Structure formats: C-alpha cells, structure tokens
Amino acid sequence: MAQRVVVTLSDDIDGGDAAETVSFGLDGRSYEIDLNTANAKKLRVALAPYMEAGRKQSRSGKVYRRTAVAPDPAAVRAWARSNGMEVPPRGRIPKKVYEAFNAVD
C-alpha cells in the first residue's frame, strides 16, 4: 500500500497558509520563518533599507574553530609507564590513560 505524506506550512505570523520559507540572519545567527506572500513582502520591505546600506558577506568567510591537539602518544606512553600504568607498545592508548595524563597537566 502506498502512503502519501503532505506537509503544510503555516504562516508563523498570522497562522494562515504559508507560501514560502524566508531565511535571514542577524547578529551571527541564522533564522527561517514561514510566511504567506503578503507577510514575506512586508518583511522584505522592512529590511530593504538595511540591506541596501549594508555590505554583503561572502559565504566563503567561514569561521574556523581551533581544535585541541592531542598529546604526543610516545610521551603519553612514557609517562604512563613511569607512573606504573599498563599501556600497549603500539596501537590505541586507553582513554583512562589520556585522562590521567591530562589531569596532571
């Protein structure tokens, strides 16, 4: 048996049927709002002076977050052995060993 799923969008302002989803951003956050044609036009008219006065931001301007760098495995193994912990000579170092190593740091 076939099943048909129907998704209906409701206008987020007045609760009626929405014609489109409008995406916009402010203060570094992105928003989406479902609006009928009239409300979408009102939003665009309200934002038009700000959009005309503002600068377009390129999408390539991604924000890169600094990632934590894992400690050198050889140093962790040496530290673990000197502290009486068992670690394999090769392969993955157990999480509890890394946690103990980082706790001392």
N, C-alpha and C. Protein backbone atom coordinates (compact mmCIF):
# COMPACT_ATOMS: atom_id res chain seq x y z
N MET A 1 0.85 -1.17 0.00
CA MET A 1 0.00 0.00 0.00
C MET A 1 0.90 1.24 0.00
N ALA A 2 0.60 2.18 -0.83
CA ALA A 2 1.36 3.43 -0.91
C ALA A 2 0.88 4.39 0.16
N GLN A 3 1.81 5.19 0.60
CA GLN A 3 1.47 6.17 1.62
C GLN A 3 1.86 7.54 1.08
N ARG A 4 1.06 8.53 1.31
CA ARG A 4 1.36 9.87 0.83
C ARG A 4 1.42 10.79 2.04
N VAL A 5 2.52 11.51 2.17
CA VAL A 5 2.70 12.43 3.28
C VAL A 5 2.57 13.85 2.73
N VAL A 6 1.73 14.63 3.35
CA VAL A 6 1.52 16.01 2.92
C VAL A 6 2.01 16.93 4.03
N VAL A 7 2.90 17.83 3.66
CA VAL A 7 3.43 18.81 4.62
C VAL A 7 2.80 20.15 4.29
N THR A 8 2.14 20.75 5.27
CA THR A 8 1.53 22.06 5.07
C THR A 8 2.26 23.07 5.94
N LEU A 9 2.65 24.17 5.34
CA LEU A 9 3.34 25.22 6.09
C LEU A 9 2.31 26.25 6.55
N SER A 10 2.45 26.65 7.80
CA SER A 10 1.58 27.69 8.36
C SER A 10 2.40 28.95 8.53
N ASP A 11 1.79 30.08 8.24
CA ASP A 11 2.44 31.37 8.40
C ASP A 11 2.75 31.56 9.89
N ASP A 12 4.01 31.84 10.19
CA ASP A 12 4.44 31.99 11.58
C ASP A 12 3.94 33.30 12.21
N ILE A 13 3.43 34.22 11.41
CA ILE A 13 2.93 35.48 11.95
C ILE A 13 1.42 35.42 12.20
N ASP A 14 0.65 35.00 11.20
CA ASP A 14 -0.81 35.04 11.37
C ASP A 14 -1.49 33.67 11.39
N GLY A 15 -0.72 32.59 11.23
CA GLY A 15 -1.30 31.26 11.33
C GLY A 15 -1.97 30.74 10.08
N GLY A 16 -2.08 31.56 9.04
CA GLY A 16 -2.69 31.11 7.78
C GLY A 16 -1.74 30.22 7.00
N ASP A 17 -2.11 29.92 5.76
CA ASP A 17 -1.24 29.10 4.91
C ASP A 17 -0.01 29.91 4.50
N ALA A 18 1.14 29.29 4.59
CA ALA A 18 2.39 29.94 4.19
C ALA A 18 2.70 29.61 2.74
N ALA A 19 3.28 30.57 2.04
CA ALA A 19 3.64 30.37 0.64
C ALA A 19 5.12 30.05 0.48
N GLU A 20 5.94 30.47 1.44
CA GLU A 20 7.38 30.27 1.31
C GLU A 20 8.07 30.31 2.67
N THR A 21 9.28 29.80 2.69
CA THR A 21 10.14 29.88 3.87
C THR A 21 11.20 30.92 3.57
N VAL A 22 11.30 31.94 4.41
CA VAL A 22 12.26 33.02 4.21
C VAL A 22 13.40 32.82 5.20
N SER A 23 14.62 32.84 4.69
CA SER A 23 15.82 32.72 5.53
C SER A 23 16.46 34.09 5.67
N PHE A 24 16.94 34.40 6.86
CA PHE A 24 17.66 35.66 7.07
C PHE A 24 18.59 35.49 8.26
N GLY A 25 19.50 36.44 8.44
CA GLY A 25 20.44 36.35 9.54
C GLY A 25 20.57 37.68 10.26
N LEU A 26 20.90 37.61 11.53
CA LEU A 26 21.11 38.81 12.34
C LEU A 26 22.01 38.45 13.51
N ASP A 27 22.99 39.28 13.76
CA ASP A 27 23.92 39.08 14.88
C ASP A 27 24.58 37.72 14.87
N GLY A 28 24.95 37.26 13.67
CA GLY A 28 25.65 35.99 13.55
C GLY A 28 24.78 34.76 13.66
N ARG A 29 23.49 34.93 13.74
CA ARG A 29 22.58 33.79 13.84
C ARG A 29 21.71 33.73 12.60
N SER A 30 21.36 32.54 12.18
CA SER A 30 20.52 32.33 11.00
C SER A 30 19.11 31.95 11.45
N TYR A 31 18.13 32.48 10.73
CA TYR A 31 16.73 32.22 11.06
C TYR A 31 15.98 31.80 9.80
N GLU A 32 14.90 31.08 9.99
CA GLU A 32 13.96 30.74 8.93
C GLU A 32 12.57 31.01 9.46
N ILE A 33 11.72 31.56 8.60
CA ILE A 33 10.35 31.84 9.01
C ILE A 33 9.44 31.50 7.83
N ASP A 34 8.33 30.85 8.11
CA ASP A 34 7.36 30.51 7.07
C ASP A 34 6.34 31.63 6.99
N LEU A 35 6.17 32.18 5.78
CA LEU A 35 5.29 33.34 5.60
C LEU A 35 4.42 33.20 4.36
N ASN A 36 3.25 33.86 4.40
CA ASN A 36 2.45 33.95 3.18
C ASN A 36 3.07 35.05 2.32
N THR A 37 2.56 35.23 1.13
CA THR A 37 3.15 36.18 0.18
C THR A 37 3.15 37.61 0.73
N ALA A 38 2.06 38.03 1.35
CA ALA A 38 1.95 39.39 1.87
C ALA A 38 2.94 39.63 3.00
N ASN A 39 3.03 38.70 3.94
CA ASN A 39 3.95 38.88 5.07
C ASN A 39 5.41 38.80 4.62
N ALA A 40 5.70 37.97 3.62
CA ALA A 40 7.07 37.90 3.10
C ALA A 40 7.44 39.23 2.46
N LYS A 41 6.49 39.84 1.75
CA LYS A 41 6.75 41.15 1.13
C LYS A 41 6.98 42.21 2.21
N LYS A 42 6.16 42.19 3.28
CA LYS A 42 6.32 43.15 4.38
C LYS A 42 7.70 43.03 5.00
N LEU A 43 8.16 41.79 5.21
CA LEU A 43 9.48 41.58 5.80
C LEU A 43 10.57 42.13 4.89
N ARG A 44 10.46 41.84 3.60
CA ARG A 44 11.47 42.33 2.65
C ARG A 44 11.47 43.85 2.57
N VAL A 45 10.29 44.47 2.59
CA VAL A 45 10.20 45.93 2.56
C VAL A 45 10.82 46.52 3.83
N ALA A 46 10.54 45.90 4.97
CA ALA A 46 11.08 46.40 6.25
C ALA A 46 12.60 46.29 6.30
N LEU A 47 13.15 45.22 5.72
CA LEU A 47 14.60 45.01 5.76
C LEU A 47 15.35 45.71 4.63
N ALA A 48 14.64 46.14 3.59
CA ALA A 48 15.28 46.71 2.40
C ALA A 48 16.25 47.85 2.71
N PRO A 49 15.91 48.86 3.53
CA PRO A 49 16.86 49.94 3.78
C PRO A 49 18.15 49.45 4.44
N TYR A 50 18.04 48.46 5.30
CA TYR A 50 19.21 47.93 5.99
C TYR A 50 20.07 47.10 5.03
N MET A 51 19.41 46.36 4.15
CA MET A 51 20.14 45.55 3.17
C MET A 51 20.87 46.44 2.17
N GLU A 52 20.22 47.54 1.76
CA GLU A 52 20.85 48.45 0.80
C GLU A 52 22.04 49.17 1.42
N ALA A 53 21.96 49.50 2.71
CA ALA A 53 23.04 50.22 3.37
C ALA A 53 24.16 49.28 3.82
N GLY A 54 23.85 48.01 3.97
CA GLY A 54 24.84 47.06 4.47
C GLY A 54 25.74 46.51 3.39
N ARG A 55 26.72 45.72 3.81
CA ARG A 55 27.65 45.04 2.90
C ARG A 55 27.27 43.58 2.84
N LYS A 56 27.41 42.99 1.66
CA LYS A 56 27.17 41.56 1.53
C LYS A 56 28.37 40.82 2.08
N GLN A 57 28.11 39.76 2.79
CA GLN A 57 29.18 38.93 3.32
C GLN A 57 29.29 37.71 2.43
N SER A 58 30.53 37.41 2.03
CA SER A 58 30.70 36.23 1.17
C SER A 58 30.50 34.97 2.00
N ARG A 59 30.01 33.96 1.36
CA ARG A 59 29.78 32.69 2.05
C ARG A 59 31.08 31.96 2.32
N SER A 60 32.15 32.36 1.65
CA SER A 60 33.42 31.67 1.86
C SER A 60 34.10 32.11 3.15
N GLY A 61 33.57 33.13 3.80
CA GLY A 61 34.15 33.61 5.04
C GLY A 61 33.77 32.74 6.22
N LYS A 62 34.14 31.49 6.17
CA LYS A 62 33.79 30.56 7.23
C LYS A 62 34.62 30.83 8.48
N VAL A 63 34.03 30.54 9.60
CA VAL A 63 34.72 30.67 10.87
C VAL A 63 35.32 29.32 11.22
N TYR A 64 36.62 29.31 11.40
CA TYR A 64 37.29 28.07 11.76
C TYR A 64 37.57 28.09 13.25
N ARG A 65 37.17 27.05 13.90
CA ARG A 65 37.40 26.95 15.33
C ARG A 65 38.71 26.20 15.58
N ARG A 66 39.39 26.62 16.59
CA ARG A 66 40.63 25.97 16.95
C ARG A 66 40.32 24.64 17.61
N THR A 67 40.96 23.61 17.16
CA THR A 67 40.72 22.29 17.75
C THR A 67 41.84 21.94 18.71
N ALA A 68 41.51 21.14 19.68
CA ALA A 68 42.52 20.71 20.64
C ALA A 68 43.49 19.74 19.97
N VAL A 69 44.74 19.87 20.32
CA VAL A 69 45.76 18.99 19.78
C VAL A 69 46.04 17.90 20.81
N ALA A 70 45.95 16.67 20.37
CA ALA A 70 46.20 15.54 21.27
C ALA A 70 47.68 15.49 21.63
N PRO A 71 48.01 15.11 22.85
CA PRO A 71 49.41 15.00 23.23
C PRO A 71 50.11 13.89 22.45
N ASP A 72 51.41 14.00 22.35
CA ASP A 72 52.22 13.01 21.63
C ASP A 72 52.05 11.64 22.27
N PRO A 73 51.62 10.63 21.50
CA PRO A 73 51.39 9.30 22.06
C PRO A 73 52.63 8.70 22.73
N ALA A 74 53.82 8.96 22.16
CA ALA A 74 55.05 8.43 22.77
C ALA A 74 55.25 9.03 24.16
N ALA A 75 54.96 10.32 24.29
CA ALA A 75 55.11 10.98 25.60
C ALA A 75 54.09 10.43 26.60
N VAL A 76 52.88 10.17 26.12
CA VAL A 76 51.84 9.61 27.00
C VAL A 76 52.23 8.21 27.45
N ARG A 77 52.74 7.40 26.52
CA ARG A 77 53.17 6.03 26.88
C ARG A 77 54.29 6.08 27.92
N ALA A 78 55.28 6.93 27.68
CA ALA A 78 56.41 7.04 28.62
C ALA A 78 55.93 7.49 29.99
N TRP A 79 55.06 8.49 30.01
CA TRP A 79 54.53 8.98 31.28
C TRP A 79 53.75 7.88 32.00
N ALA A 80 52.90 7.15 31.25
CA ALA A 80 52.08 6.10 31.85
C ALA A 80 52.95 5.00 32.44
N ARG A 81 53.98 4.57 31.70
CA ARG A 81 54.88 3.52 32.21
C ARG A 81 55.61 3.99 33.46
N SER A 82 56.06 5.25 33.46
CA SER A 82 56.79 5.76 34.63
C SER A 82 55.88 5.91 35.85
N ASN A 83 54.57 5.92 35.61
CA ASN A 83 53.60 6.01 36.71
C ASN A 83 52.91 4.68 36.99
N GLY A 84 53.50 3.59 36.48
CA GLY A 84 53.00 2.26 36.79
C GLY A 84 51.73 1.85 36.07
N MET A 85 51.39 2.53 35.01
CA MET A 85 50.19 2.16 34.25
C MET A 85 50.59 1.26 33.10
N GLU A 86 49.72 0.31 32.77
CA GLU A 86 49.99 -0.58 31.65
C GLU A 86 49.44 0.03 30.36
N VAL A 87 50.32 0.13 29.37
CA VAL A 87 49.90 0.63 28.06
C VAL A 87 50.49 -0.28 26.99
N PRO A 88 49.77 -0.51 25.91
CA PRO A 88 50.31 -1.35 24.84
C PRO A 88 51.47 -0.64 24.14
N PRO A 89 52.45 -1.40 23.65
CA PRO A 89 53.60 -0.78 22.98
C PRO A 89 53.20 -0.11 21.66
N ARG A 90 52.11 -0.57 21.04
CA ARG A 90 51.62 0.02 19.79
C ARG A 90 50.10 0.10 19.86
N GLY A 91 49.55 0.85 18.95
CA GLY A 91 48.10 0.91 18.85
C GLY A 91 47.47 1.97 19.75
N ARG A 92 46.20 1.80 19.96
CA ARG A 92 45.40 2.79 20.69
C ARG A 92 45.76 2.82 22.18
N ILE A 93 45.87 4.02 22.69
CA ILE A 93 46.12 4.21 24.12
C ILE A 93 44.76 4.34 24.80
N PRO A 94 44.53 3.61 25.88
CA PRO A 94 43.22 3.67 26.55
C PRO A 94 42.86 5.10 26.99
N LYS A 95 41.58 5.39 26.95
CA LYS A 95 41.07 6.71 27.30
C LYS A 95 41.44 7.09 28.73
N LYS A 96 41.40 6.11 29.65
CA LYS A 96 41.71 6.42 31.06
C LYS A 96 43.15 6.89 31.21
N VAL A 97 44.06 6.40 30.33
CA VAL A 97 45.46 6.84 30.39
C VAL A 97 45.56 8.30 29.95
N TYR A 98 44.87 8.64 28.84
CA TYR A 98 44.86 10.03 28.38
C TYR A 98 44.25 10.95 29.44
N GLU A 99 43.16 10.50 30.06
CA GLU A 99 42.51 11.32 31.09
C GLU A 99 43.45 11.57 32.26
N ALA A 100 44.17 10.53 32.69
CA ALA A 100 45.12 10.69 33.79
C ALA A 100 46.25 11.62 33.38
N PHE A 101 46.74 11.48 32.16
CA PHE A 101 47.82 12.33 31.65
C PHE A 101 47.37 13.79 31.62
N ASN A 102 46.17 14.04 31.12
CA ASN A 102 45.66 15.41 31.02
C ASN A 102 45.34 16.00 32.39
N ALA A 103 44.97 15.16 33.35
CA ALA A 103 44.65 15.65 34.70
C ALA A 103 45.89 16.19 35.39
N VAL A 104 47.06 15.62 35.07
CA VAL A 104 48.30 16.06 35.70
C VAL A 104 48.77 17.37 35.10
N ASP A 105 48.47 17.57 33.84
CA ASP A 105 48.92 18.77 33.12
C ASP A 105 48.44 20.03 33.72
